[in-house]
């Protein structure tokens, strides 16, 4: 269980970084108002909701293991 949660955490962290870099590279000087940037930011925030629970499960399993 801990290994699965850790793998999910690593994958979501890489996705978060890639989406963040993509959002910055595709933004314009006028602001992040394009549809592409809105989608990228939404996906980036969605990965946060995967990163946090998977990190918590990874750490909790380590300490709750009997």
PDB file of N, CA and C in Angstrom:
ATOM      1  N   UNK A   1       0.824  -1.196   0.000  1.00  0.00           N
ATOM      2  CA  UNK A   1       0.000   0.000   0.000  1.00  0.00           C
ATOM      3  C   UNK A   1       0.866   1.257   0.000  1.00  0.00           C
ATOM      4  N   UNK A   2       1.899   1.245   0.813  1.00  0.00           N
ATOM      5  CA  UNK A   2       2.780   2.412   0.884  1.00  0.00           C
ATOM      6  C   UNK A   2       3.496   2.616  -0.444  1.00  0.00           C
ATOM      7  N   UNK A   3       3.900   1.529  -1.080  1.00  0.00           N
ATOM      8  CA  UNK A   3       4.598   1.639  -2.359  1.00  0.00           C
ATOM      9  C   UNK A   3       3.682   2.205  -3.441  1.00  0.00           C
ATOM     10  N   UNK A   4       2.417   1.782  -3.453  1.00  0.00           N
ATOM     11  CA  UNK A   4       1.455   2.289  -4.430  1.00  0.00           C
ATOM     12  C   UNK A   4       1.212   3.778  -4.199  1.00  0.00           C
ATOM     13  N   UNK A   5       1.002   4.169  -2.949  1.00  0.00           N
ATOM     14  CA  UNK A   5       0.770   5.577  -2.622  1.00  0.00           C
ATOM     15  C   UNK A   5       1.991   6.427  -2.972  1.00  0.00           C
ATOM     16  N   UNK A   6       3.177   5.893  -2.737  1.00  0.00           N
ATOM     17  CA  UNK A   6       4.397   6.628  -3.068  1.00  0.00           C
ATOM     18  C   UNK A   6       4.532   6.791  -4.584  1.00  0.00           C
ATOM     19  N   UNK A   7       4.216   5.744  -5.347  1.00  0.00           N
ATOM     20  CA  UNK A   7       4.273   5.839  -6.808  1.00  0.00           C
ATOM     21  C   UNK A   7       3.259   6.842  -7.347  1.00  0.00           C
ATOM     22  N   UNK A   8       2.060   6.861  -6.771  1.00  0.00           N
ATOM     23  CA  UNK A   8       1.051   7.836  -7.175  1.00  0.00           C
ATOM     24  C   UNK A   8       1.527   9.244  -6.845  1.00  0.00           C
ATOM     25  N   UNK A   9       2.130   9.413  -5.672  1.00  0.00           N
ATOM     26  CA  UNK A   9       2.654  10.713  -5.265  1.00  0.00           C
ATOM     27  C   UNK A   9       3.730  11.204  -6.237  1.00  0.00           C
ATOM     28  N   UNK A  10       4.627  10.329  -6.608  1.00  0.00           N
ATOM     29  CA  UNK A  10       5.698  10.709  -7.538  1.00  0.00           C
ATOM     30  C   UNK A  10       5.116  11.078  -8.901  1.00  0.00           C
ATOM     31  N   UNK A  11       4.198  10.281  -9.404  1.00  0.00           N
ATOM     32  CA  UNK A  11       3.581  10.564 -10.697  1.00  0.00           C
ATOM     33  C   UNK A  11       2.807  11.875 -10.694  1.00  0.00           C
ATOM     34  N   UNK A  12       2.046  12.116  -9.638  1.00  0.00           N
ATOM     35  CA  UNK A  12       1.278  13.359  -9.547  1.00  0.00           C
ATOM     36  C   UNK A  12       2.197  14.563  -9.387  1.00  0.00           C
ATOM     37  N   UNK A  13       3.295  14.390  -8.682  1.00  0.00           N
ATOM     38  CA  UNK A  13       4.251  15.489  -8.528  1.00  0.00           C
ATOM     39  C   UNK A  13       4.903  15.851  -9.861  1.00  0.00           C
ATOM     40  N   UNK A  14       5.242  14.845 -10.644  1.00  0.00           N
ATOM     41  CA  UNK A  14       5.824  15.098 -11.967  1.00  0.00           C
ATOM     42  C   UNK A  14       4.789  15.773 -12.868  1.00  0.00           C
ATOM     43  N   UNK A  15       3.543  15.307 -12.815  1.00  0.00           N
ATOM     44  CA  UNK A  15       2.480  15.919 -13.615  1.00  0.00           C
ATOM     45  C   UNK A  15       2.258  17.369 -13.194  1.00  0.00           C
ATOM     46  N   UNK A  16       2.291  17.628 -11.898  1.00  0.00           N
ATOM     47  CA  UNK A  16       2.128  18.994 -11.391  1.00  0.00           C
ATOM     48  C   UNK A  16       3.227  19.898 -11.929  1.00  0.00           C
ATOM     49  N   UNK A  17       4.455  19.428 -11.895  1.00  0.00           N
ATOM     50  CA  UNK A  17       5.574  20.216 -12.412  1.00  0.00           C
ATOM     51  C   UNK A  17       5.465  20.460 -13.901  1.00  0.00           C
ATOM     52  N   UNK A  18       5.108  19.425 -14.648  1.00  0.00           N
ATOM     53  CA  UNK A  18       4.989  19.569 -16.099  1.00  0.00           C
ATOM     54  C   UNK A  18       3.860  20.528 -16.469  1.00  0.00           C
ATOM     55  N   UNK A  19       2.738  20.414 -15.782  1.00  0.00           N
ATOM     56  CA  UNK A  19       1.620  21.322 -16.053  1.00  0.00           C
ATOM     57  C   UNK A  19       1.966  22.756 -15.673  1.00  0.00           C
ATOM     58  N   UNK A  20       2.684  22.923 -14.576  1.00  0.00           N
ATOM     59  CA  UNK A  20       3.090  24.263 -14.158  1.00  0.00           C
ATOM     60  C   UNK A  20       4.020  24.922 -15.160  1.00  0.00           C
ATOM     61  N   UNK A  21       4.995  24.165 -15.628  1.00  0.00           N
ATOM     62  CA  UNK A  21       5.927  24.699 -16.630  1.00  0.00           C
ATOM     63  C   UNK A  21       5.181  24.997 -17.927  1.00  0.00           C
ATOM     64  N   UNK A  22       4.272  24.122 -18.335  1.00  0.00           N
ATOM     65  CA  UNK A  22       3.483  24.349 -19.551  1.00  0.00           C
ATOM     66  C   UNK A  22       2.620  25.596 -19.423  1.00  0.00           C
ATOM     67  N   UNK A  23       2.032  25.794 -18.257  1.00  0.00           N
ATOM     68  CA  UNK A  23       1.185  26.969 -18.048  1.00  0.00           C
ATOM     69  C   UNK A  23       2.008  28.252 -18.135  1.00  0.00           C
ATOM     70  N   UNK A  24       3.203  28.235 -17.590  1.00  0.00           N
ATOM     71  CA  UNK A  24       4.065  29.418 -17.635  1.00  0.00           C
ATOM     72  C   UNK A  24       4.543  29.673 -19.068  1.00  0.00           C
ATOM     73  N   UNK A  25       4.936  28.627 -19.759  1.00  0.00           N
ATOM     74  CA  UNK A  25       5.454  28.800 -21.119  1.00  0.00           C
ATOM     75  C   UNK A  25       4.385  29.238 -22.121  1.00  0.00           C
ATOM     76  N   UNK A  26       3.138  28.875 -21.885  1.00  0.00           N
ATOM     77  CA  UNK A  26       2.082  29.236 -22.819  1.00  0.00           C
ATOM     78  C   UNK A  26       1.361  30.520 -22.436  1.00  0.00           C
ATOM     79  N   UNK A  27       1.723  31.107 -21.296  1.00  0.00           N
ATOM     80  CA  UNK A  27       1.054  32.347 -20.889  1.00  0.00           C
ATOM     81  C   UNK A  27       1.562  33.512 -21.725  1.00  0.00           C
ATOM     82  N   UNK A  28       0.747  34.524 -21.824  1.00  0.00           N
ATOM     83  CA  UNK A  28       1.132  35.705 -22.589  1.00  0.00           C
ATOM     84  C   UNK A  28       1.350  36.880 -21.653  1.00  0.00           C
ATOM     85  N   UNK A  29       1.811  37.982 -22.186  1.00  0.00           N
ATOM     86  CA  UNK A  29       2.043  39.172 -21.371  1.00  0.00           C
ATOM     87  C   UNK A  29       0.738  39.811 -20.899  1.00  0.00           C
ATOM     88  N   UNK A  30      -0.343  39.495 -21.572  1.00  0.00           N
ATOM     89  CA  UNK A  30      -1.642  40.077 -21.227  1.00  0.00           C
ATOM     90  C   UNK A  30      -2.310  39.346 -20.066  1.00  0.00           C
ATOM     91  N   UNK A  31      -1.745  38.281 -19.627  1.00  0.00           N
ATOM     92  CA  UNK A  31      -2.310  37.524 -18.513  1.00  0.00           C
ATOM     93  C   UNK A  31      -2.747  36.139 -18.944  1.00  0.00           C
ATOM     94  N   UNK A  32      -2.973  35.269 -17.979  1.00  0.00           N
ATOM     95  CA  UNK A  32      -3.343  33.876 -18.273  1.00  0.00           C
ATOM     96  C   UNK A  32      -4.833  33.730 -18.560  1.00  0.00           C
ATOM     97  N   UNK A  33      -5.319  34.355 -19.613  1.00  0.00           N
ATOM     98  CA  UNK A  33      -6.747  34.312 -19.908  1.00  0.00           C
ATOM     99  C   UNK A  33      -7.107  33.399 -21.066  1.00  0.00           C
ATOM    100  N   UNK A  34      -6.143  32.774 -21.694  1.00  0.00           N
ATOM    101  CA  UNK A  34      -6.471  31.896 -22.809  1.00  0.00           C
ATOM    102  C   UNK A  34      -7.111  30.609 -22.292  1.00  0.00           C
ATOM    103  N   UNK A  35      -7.858  29.963 -23.154  1.00  0.00           N
ATOM    104  CA  UNK A  35      -8.532  28.718 -22.757  1.00  0.00           C
ATOM    105  C   UNK A  35      -7.526  27.634 -22.390  1.00  0.00           C
ATOM    106  N   UNK A  36      -6.411  27.601 -23.113  1.00  0.00           N
ATOM    107  CA  UNK A  36      -5.380  26.611 -22.819  1.00  0.00           C
ATOM    108  C   UNK A  36      -4.831  26.811 -21.410  1.00  0.00           C
ATOM    109  N   UNK A  37      -4.543  28.034 -21.042  1.00  0.00           N
ATOM    110  CA  UNK A  37      -4.009  28.293 -19.707  1.00  0.00           C
ATOM    111  C   UNK A  37      -5.025  27.992 -18.621  1.00  0.00           C
ATOM    112  N   UNK A  38      -6.268  28.285 -18.874  1.00  0.00           N
ATOM    113  CA  UNK A  38      -7.304  27.978 -17.872  1.00  0.00           C
ATOM    114  C   UNK A  38      -7.379  26.475 -17.653  1.00  0.00           C
ATOM    115  N   UNK A  39      -7.330  25.704 -18.734  1.00  0.00           N
ATOM    116  CA  UNK A  39      -7.358  24.235 -18.615  1.00  0.00           C
ATOM    117  C   UNK A  39      -6.113  23.738 -17.892  1.00  0.00           C
ATOM    118  N   UNK A  40      -4.948  24.293 -18.247  1.00  0.00           N
ATOM    119  CA  UNK A  40      -3.702  23.860 -17.592  1.00  0.00           C
ATOM    120  C   UNK A  40      -3.721  24.155 -16.101  1.00  0.00           C
ATOM    121  N   UNK A  41      -4.209  25.331 -15.715  1.00  0.00           N
ATOM    122  CA  UNK A  41      -4.267  25.666 -14.292  1.00  0.00           C
ATOM    123  C   UNK A  41      -5.269  24.784 -13.551  1.00  0.00           C
ATOM    124  N   UNK A  42      -6.388  24.470 -14.195  1.00  0.00           N
ATOM    125  CA  UNK A  42      -7.356  23.574 -13.563  1.00  0.00           C
ATOM    126  C   UNK A  42      -6.765  22.176 -13.375  1.00  0.00           C
ATOM    127  N   UNK A  43      -6.052  21.687 -14.385  1.00  0.00           N
ATOM    128  CA  UNK A  43      -5.408  20.377 -14.257  1.00  0.00           C
ATOM    129  C   UNK A  43      -4.317  20.404 -13.187  1.00  0.00           C
ATOM    130  N   UNK A  44      -3.599  21.522 -13.118  1.00  0.00           N
ATOM    131  CA  UNK A  44      -2.541  21.647 -12.117  1.00  0.00           C
ATOM    132  C   UNK A  44      -3.121  21.598 -10.706  1.00  0.00           C
ATOM    133  N   UNK A  45      -4.226  22.302 -10.492  1.00  0.00           N
ATOM    134  CA  UNK A  45      -4.847  22.270  -9.170  1.00  0.00           C
ATOM    135  C   UNK A  45      -5.467  20.912  -8.883  1.00  0.00           C
ATOM    136  N   UNK A  46      -5.940  20.221  -9.915  1.00  0.00           N
ATOM    137  CA  UNK A  46      -6.487  18.880  -9.711  1.00  0.00           C
ATOM    138  C   UNK A  46      -5.401  17.916  -9.238  1.00  0.00           C
ATOM    139  N   UNK A  47      -4.179  18.090  -9.744  1.00  0.00           N
ATOM    140  CA  UNK A  47      -3.100  17.210  -9.291  1.00  0.00           C
ATOM    141  C   UNK A  47      -2.767  17.439  -7.817  1.00  0.00           C
ATOM    142  N   UNK A  48      -3.012  18.642  -7.314  1.00  0.00           N
ATOM    143  CA  UNK A  48      -2.786  18.896  -5.889  1.00  0.00           C
ATOM    144  C   UNK A  48      -3.683  18.002  -5.044  1.00  0.00           C
ATOM    145  N   UNK A  49      -4.920  17.787  -5.519  1.00  0.00           N
ATOM    146  CA  UNK A  49      -5.847  16.939  -4.776  1.00  0.00           C
ATOM    147  C   UNK A  49      -5.499  15.461  -4.883  1.00  0.00           C
ATOM    148  N   UNK A  50      -4.567  15.114  -5.740  1.00  0.00           N
ATOM    149  CA  UNK A  50      -4.037  13.751  -5.788  1.00  0.00           C
ATOM    150  C   UNK A  50      -2.755  13.674  -4.967  1.00  0.00           C
ATOM    151  N   UNK A  51      -1.934  14.715  -5.030  1.00  0.00           N
ATOM    152  CA  UNK A  51      -0.663  14.730  -4.320  1.00  0.00           C
ATOM    153  C   UNK A  51      -0.864  14.663  -2.807  1.00  0.00           C
ATOM    154  N   UNK A  52      -1.724  15.499  -2.290  1.00  0.00           N
ATOM    155  CA  UNK A  52      -1.891  15.575  -0.832  1.00  0.00           C
ATOM    156  C   UNK A  52      -2.381  14.268  -0.206  1.00  0.00           C
ATOM    157  N   UNK A  53      -3.466  13.650  -0.704  1.00  0.00           N
ATOM    158  CA  UNK A  53      -3.881  12.387  -0.085  1.00  0.00           C
ATOM    159  C   UNK A  53      -2.886  11.251  -0.276  1.00  0.00           C
ATOM    160  N   UNK A  54      -2.232  11.203  -1.436  1.00  0.00           N
ATOM    161  CA  UNK A  54      -1.278  10.112  -1.643  1.00  0.00           C
ATOM    162  C   UNK A  54      -0.069  10.275  -0.737  1.00  0.00           C
ATOM    163  N   UNK A  55       0.356  11.513  -0.495  1.00  0.00           N
ATOM    164  CA  UNK A  55       1.452  11.741   0.435  1.00  0.00           C
ATOM    165  C   UNK A  55       1.026  11.355   1.851  1.00  0.00           C
ATOM    166  N   UNK A  56      -0.183  11.755   2.220  1.00  0.00           N
ATOM    167  CA  UNK A  56      -0.687  11.416   3.560  1.00  0.00           C
ATOM    168  C   UNK A  56      -0.799   9.906   3.744  1.00  0.00           C
ATOM    169  N   UNK A  57      -1.286   9.202   2.720  1.00  0.00           N
ATOM    170  CA  UNK A  57      -1.388   7.745   2.817  1.00  0.00           C
ATOM    171  C   UNK A  57      -0.014   7.094   2.901  1.00  0.00           C
ATOM    172  N   UNK A  58       0.923   7.620   2.148  1.00  0.00           N
ATOM    173  CA  UNK A  58       2.265   7.063   2.151  1.00  0.00           C
ATOM    174  C   UNK A  58       2.906   7.198   3.526  1.00  0.00           C
ATOM    175  N   UNK A  59       2.766   8.359   4.124  1.00  0.00           N
ATOM    176  CA  UNK A  59       3.359   8.594   5.441  1.00  0.00           C
ATOM    177  C   UNK A  59       2.578   7.858   6.529  1.00  0.00           C
ATOM    178  N   UNK A  60       1.247   7.914   6.454  1.00  0.00           N
ATOM    179  CA  UNK A  60       0.426   7.275   7.488  1.00  0.00           C
ATOM    180  C   UNK A  60       0.626   5.765   7.498  1.00  0.00           C
ATOM    181  N   UNK A  61       0.729   5.153   6.344  1.00  0.00           N
ATOM    182  CA  UNK A  61       0.906   3.705   6.293  1.00  0.00           C
ATOM    183  C   UNK A  61       2.212   3.295   6.966  1.00  0.00           C
ATOM    184  N   UNK A  62       3.210   4.151   6.829  1.00  0.00           N
ATOM    185  CA  UNK A  62       4.507   3.861   7.442  1.00  0.00           C
ATOM    186  C   UNK A  62       4.390   3.803   8.964  1.00  0.00           C
ATOM    187  N   UNK A  63       3.582   4.713   9.536  1.00  0.00           N
ATOM    188  CA  UNK A  63       3.464   4.783  10.997  1.00  0.00           C
ATOM    189  C   UNK A  63       2.342   3.921  11.559  1.00  0.00           C
ATOM    190  N   UNK A  64       1.354   3.602  10.754  1.00  0.00           N
ATOM    191  CA  UNK A  64       0.237   2.785  11.231  1.00  0.00           C
ATOM    192  C   UNK A  64       0.464   1.290  11.000  1.00  0.00           C
ATOM    193  N   UNK A  65       1.544   0.957  10.345  1.00  0.00           N
ATOM    194  CA  UNK A  65       1.861  -0.435  10.067  1.00  0.00           C
ATOM    195  C   UNK A  65       2.124  -1.161  11.381  1.00  0.00           C
ATOM    196  N   UNK A  66       1.485  -2.301  11.560  1.00  0.00           N
ATOM    197  CA  UNK A  66       1.635  -3.057  12.819  1.00  0.00           C
ATOM    198  C   UNK A  66       2.592  -4.191  12.667  1.00  0.00           C
TER     199      UNK A  66
END
